[in-house]
Amino acid sequence: MAERKKIAVLSGAGISAESGISTFRDSNGLWENYKVEDVATADSWYCYGRKELMLNFYNARRRDLKTKEPNLAHKIVAELEKWYDVTVATQNIDNLHERGGSTNIIHLHGELTKARGENSDYYNTIEIGYNDIHLGDKSPRGEQLRPHIVWFGEQVPELERAARAVQQADIMIVVGTSLAVYPAAGLLGYAKSSAEIYLVDPADVQTHYRCEHIKEKATVGMQKLLERLKG
């Protein structure tokens, strides 16, 4: 039996937007009416004493996520596993890929439904589901719990694993991302020269990588791509 071809998917906010998840940053630089630097930077937590503000912000995101469902694009990504060896590298912190049925997911920017001690190793996580984190909630080591999110100013520990998946892929699918957030956007640079690259996004995307641009929102574009790729 021939080895199955490999697909690497890089997904961004656009795929979850159709499920009602707010995009990370709108045109005025805010995220859900908060300044991004107040709720998405390591300095805000560790240096500027905004822990309660940040906990409340991510608690609200978690409660919102509980009410959302994976959309057709998430489900099509999962369906591709019928014919391909699929790895999803997502910039999203939601769990909609998991709930949509995908089984091999790399969360580049962390996971909303996990927490860890504020000074603990990145991989020493605790599953919290959709529960809130409060000031005074401690890890088993006695540290204040923080959201398991990669904030600006922090390393992206899963980037290397995602790069390996892209290097090995025969097909690369970029869906719902403008390729503006680095270092994740640089993952296309690891694709091998023979790889087919598909970009699914309704907007004009500036990229010097050779790819076929399916200029549709994620649900529509992934349906079109599925017809081409399914066995």
Protein backbone atom coordinates (compact mmCIF):
# COMPACT_ATOMS: atom_id res chain seq x y z
CA MET A 1 0.00 0.00 0.00
CA ALA A 2 1.44 3.37 -1.04
CA GLU A 3 2.26 5.86 1.67
CA ARG A 4 -0.35 8.57 1.91
CA LYS A 5 0.58 12.08 0.87
CA LYS A 6 1.04 14.63 3.60
CA ILE A 7 -0.91 17.86 3.98
CA ALA A 8 0.13 20.72 6.26
CA VAL A 9 -2.62 23.22 7.05
CA LEU A 10 -1.83 26.67 8.43
CA SER A 11 -5.03 28.23 9.75
CA GLY A 12 -5.75 31.66 11.15
CA ALA A 13 -8.55 33.80 12.52
CA GLY A 14 -10.54 33.75 9.28
CA ILE A 15 -11.49 30.10 9.65
CA SER A 16 -12.97 30.64 13.11
CA ALA A 17 -14.56 34.00 12.28
CA GLU A 18 -17.32 32.10 10.47
CA SER A 19 -18.12 30.39 13.76
CA GLY A 20 -18.54 33.78 15.42
CA ILE A 21 -15.11 33.98 17.06
CA SER A 22 -13.83 37.56 17.02
CA THR A 23 -10.69 38.12 15.01
CA PHE A 24 -7.60 38.90 17.02
CA ARG A 25 -7.29 42.52 16.02
CA ASP A 26 -9.63 44.80 14.14
CA SER A 27 -8.79 47.85 12.09
CA ASN A 28 -8.44 50.16 15.07
CA GLY A 29 -5.92 47.91 16.82
CA LEU A 30 -8.31 46.66 19.47
CA TRP A 31 -9.34 43.14 20.46
CA GLU A 32 -12.89 43.05 21.83
CA ASN A 33 -12.47 46.76 22.73
CA TYR A 34 -9.28 46.13 24.70
CA LYS A 35 -5.89 47.47 23.76
CA VAL A 36 -3.87 44.56 22.42
CA GLU A 37 -0.84 45.60 24.46
CA ASP A 38 -2.93 45.40 27.66
CA VAL A 39 -4.20 41.84 27.17
CA ALA A 40 -1.74 40.11 24.83
CA THR A 41 1.76 40.98 26.00
CA ALA A 42 3.98 39.24 28.51
CA ASP A 43 4.99 42.61 29.98
CA SER A 44 1.38 43.38 30.81
CA TRP A 45 1.24 40.26 33.00
CA TYR A 46 4.72 40.13 34.48
CA CYS A 47 5.69 43.81 34.70
CA TYR A 48 2.66 46.07 34.70
CA GLY A 49 0.32 44.37 37.15
CA ARG A 50 -2.57 43.72 34.79
CA LYS A 51 -3.10 40.10 35.80
CA GLU A 52 -6.71 40.50 36.87
CA LEU A 53 -7.57 42.42 33.71
CA MET A 54 -5.96 39.73 31.58
CA LEU A 55 -7.61 36.88 33.47
CA ASN A 56 -11.02 38.52 33.06
CA PHE A 57 -10.38 39.03 29.35
CA TYR A 58 -9.48 35.40 28.67
CA ASN A 59 -12.25 34.16 30.97
CA ALA A 60 -14.68 36.03 28.71
CA ARG A 61 -13.08 34.51 25.59
CA ARG A 62 -13.40 31.05 27.14
CA ARG A 63 -17.06 31.54 28.03
CA ASP A 64 -17.71 32.79 24.50
CA LEU A 65 -15.93 29.79 22.98
CA LYS A 66 -18.22 27.44 24.89
CA THR A 67 -21.17 28.78 22.87
CA LYS A 68 -19.49 28.40 19.46
CA GLU A 69 -19.39 25.42 17.10
CA PRO A 70 -16.93 24.33 14.40
CA ASN A 71 -18.02 25.34 10.93
CA LEU A 72 -17.86 23.55 7.59
CA ALA A 73 -14.27 24.66 6.96
CA HIS A 74 -13.08 23.03 10.20
CA LYS A 75 -14.96 19.87 9.28
CA ILE A 76 -13.51 19.75 5.76
CA VAL A 77 -9.98 20.05 7.16
CA ALA A 78 -10.78 17.03 9.32
CA GLU A 79 -12.37 15.18 6.40
CA LEU A 80 -9.12 15.39 4.45
CA GLU A 81 -7.75 12.80 6.90
CA LYS A 82 -9.74 10.18 4.94
CA TRP A 83 -7.19 10.47 2.12
CA TYR A 84 -4.14 12.26 3.53
CA ASP A 85 -1.83 12.42 6.50
CA VAL A 86 -2.90 15.86 7.78
CA THR A 87 -1.17 18.13 10.29
CA VAL A 88 -2.89 21.36 11.28
CA ALA A 89 -0.76 24.23 12.55
CA THR A 90 -3.16 26.88 13.80
CA GLN A 91 -2.61 30.41 15.01
CA ASN A 92 -5.99 30.21 16.77
CA ILE A 93 -6.34 29.60 20.49
CA ASP A 94 -9.81 28.05 20.21
CA ASN A 95 -10.51 24.30 20.07
CA LEU A 96 -12.71 24.30 16.97
CA HIS A 97 -10.30 22.19 14.93
CA GLU A 98 -10.42 19.51 17.64
CA ARG A 99 -14.18 19.68 17.85
CA GLY A 100 -14.39 19.63 14.05
CA GLY A 101 -12.66 16.23 14.03
CA SER A 102 -9.00 16.92 13.28
CA THR A 103 -6.64 14.64 15.18
CA ASN A 104 -3.17 16.14 14.69
CA ILE A 105 -3.13 19.80 15.71
CA ILE A 106 -0.27 22.12 16.62
CA HIS A 107 -1.38 25.25 18.49
CA LEU A 108 1.23 27.88 17.71
CA HIS A 109 -0.19 30.51 20.03
CA GLY A 110 -1.44 28.35 22.89
CA GLU A 111 -4.82 27.00 23.91
CA LEU A 112 -7.67 28.82 25.60
CA THR A 113 -8.90 25.72 27.44
CA LYS A 114 -5.57 25.16 29.22
CA ALA A 115 -3.66 26.96 31.97
CA ARG A 116 -0.23 26.69 33.55
CA GLY A 117 1.72 28.11 36.46
CA GLU A 118 3.00 31.56 35.62
CA ASN A 119 6.64 30.46 35.97
CA SER A 120 6.23 26.87 34.80
CA ASP A 121 7.46 25.17 31.64
CA TYR A 122 5.29 25.82 28.59
CA TYR A 123 4.28 22.15 28.35
CA ASN A 124 3.35 21.76 32.03
CA THR A 125 -0.30 22.52 31.41
CA ILE A 126 -3.60 21.93 33.17
CA GLU A 127 -6.86 21.27 31.34
CA ILE A 128 -9.44 23.78 32.55
CA GLY A 129 -12.09 23.45 29.85
CA TYR A 130 -14.31 26.52 29.82
CA ASN A 131 -13.79 27.40 33.49
CA ASP A 132 -12.58 30.79 34.69
CA ILE A 133 -9.16 31.46 36.19
CA HIS A 134 -9.09 33.85 39.15
CA LEU A 135 -6.36 35.64 41.05
CA GLY A 136 -5.31 33.21 43.77
CA ASP A 137 -5.92 30.08 41.69
CA LYS A 138 -2.72 28.06 41.98
CA SER A 139 -0.92 25.36 40.05
CA PRO A 140 0.16 22.16 41.87
CA ARG A 141 3.51 23.92 42.42
CA GLY A 142 1.79 26.83 44.15
CA GLU A 143 2.13 29.33 41.32
CA GLN A 144 -0.58 31.68 40.13
CA LEU A 145 -2.30 30.13 37.13
CA ARG A 146 -2.11 32.03 33.85
CA PRO A 147 -3.76 31.38 30.50
CA HIS A 148 -1.82 28.97 28.29
CA ILE A 149 -1.40 31.61 25.61
CA VAL A 150 1.71 32.74 23.74
CA TRP A 151 1.76 36.48 24.29
CA PHE A 152 3.80 39.07 22.42
CA GLY A 153 7.27 39.03 23.92
CA GLU A 154 7.28 35.24 24.42
CA GLN A 155 8.84 32.45 22.39
CA VAL A 156 6.69 30.24 20.14
CA PRO A 157 7.72 26.77 21.37
CA GLU A 158 5.68 24.84 18.79
CA LEU A 159 7.12 26.69 15.79
CA GLU A 160 9.84 24.11 15.16
CA ARG A 161 7.36 21.23 15.15
CA ALA A 162 5.16 23.13 12.71
CA ALA A 163 8.14 23.85 10.46
CA ARG A 164 8.94 20.13 10.30
CA ALA A 165 5.36 19.37 9.28
CA VAL A 166 5.57 21.95 6.49
CA GLN A 167 8.94 20.61 5.31
CA GLN A 168 7.47 17.12 4.96
CA ALA A 169 4.21 18.19 3.29
CA ASP A 170 3.32 17.39 -0.30
CA ILE A 171 0.45 19.87 -0.11
CA MET A 172 0.25 23.09 1.92
CA ILE A 173 -3.08 24.77 2.66
CA VAL A 174 -3.18 28.27 4.14
CA VAL A 175 -6.69 29.20 5.25
CA GLY A 176 -8.06 32.24 7.03
CA THR A 177 -4.82 34.11 7.57
CA SER A 178 -3.40 37.20 5.90
CA LEU A 179 0.15 35.94 6.46
CA ALA A 180 0.89 39.10 8.45
CA VAL A 181 1.62 37.61 11.89
CA TYR A 182 5.17 36.37 12.32
CA PRO A 183 6.82 34.04 13.00
CA ALA A 184 3.89 31.81 11.93
CA ALA A 185 3.61 33.52 8.53
CA GLY A 186 7.18 32.47 7.75
CA LEU A 187 6.24 28.80 7.80
CA LEU A 188 5.59 28.85 4.06
CA GLY A 189 9.30 29.33 3.60
CA TYR A 190 9.84 25.74 4.79
CA ALA A 191 7.69 24.21 2.03
CA LYS A 192 9.61 22.02 -0.41
CA SER A 193 9.84 23.19 -4.00
CA SER A 194 7.60 20.40 -5.26
CA ALA A 195 4.78 21.11 -2.79
CA GLU A 196 1.40 22.33 -4.00
CA ILE A 197 0.42 25.47 -2.06
CA TYR A 198 -3.17 26.69 -1.79
CA LEU A 199 -4.19 29.97 -0.17
CA VAL A 200 -7.85 30.26 0.88
CA ASP A 201 -8.77 33.83 1.84
CA PRO A 202 -11.23 36.37 0.41
CA ALA A 203 -8.79 39.27 0.70
CA ASP A 204 -5.86 40.23 -1.46
CA VAL A 205 -2.86 38.69 0.29
CA GLN A 206 0.62 39.95 -0.39
CA THR A 207 3.02 37.03 -0.58
CA HIS A 208 6.10 36.21 -2.61
CA TYR A 209 5.44 32.48 -2.25
CA ARG A 210 4.11 30.71 -5.32
CA CYS A 211 0.60 29.54 -4.54
CA GLU A 212 -2.87 29.19 -5.97
CA HIS A 213 -5.16 31.76 -4.37
CA ILE A 214 -8.77 30.64 -3.86
CA LYS A 215 -10.31 34.01 -3.15
CA GLU A 216 -13.22 32.88 -0.99
CA LYS A 217 -14.10 32.79 2.70
CA ALA A 218 -12.96 29.65 4.48
CA THR A 219 -16.16 27.60 4.23
CA VAL A 220 -16.63 28.23 0.51
CA GLY A 221 -12.96 27.99 -0.41
CA MET A 222 -12.43 24.74 1.48
CA GLN A 223 -15.44 23.17 -0.25
CA LYS A 224 -13.89 24.02 -3.61
CA LEU A 225 -10.52 22.68 -2.53
CA LEU A 226 -12.04 19.49 -1.14
CA GLU A 227 -13.49 18.63 -4.54
CA ARG A 228 -10.00 18.82 -6.02
CA LEU A 229 -8.18 16.94 -3.30
CA LYS A 230 -10.47 14.19 -2.13
CA GLY A 231 -9.65 10.69 -3.24
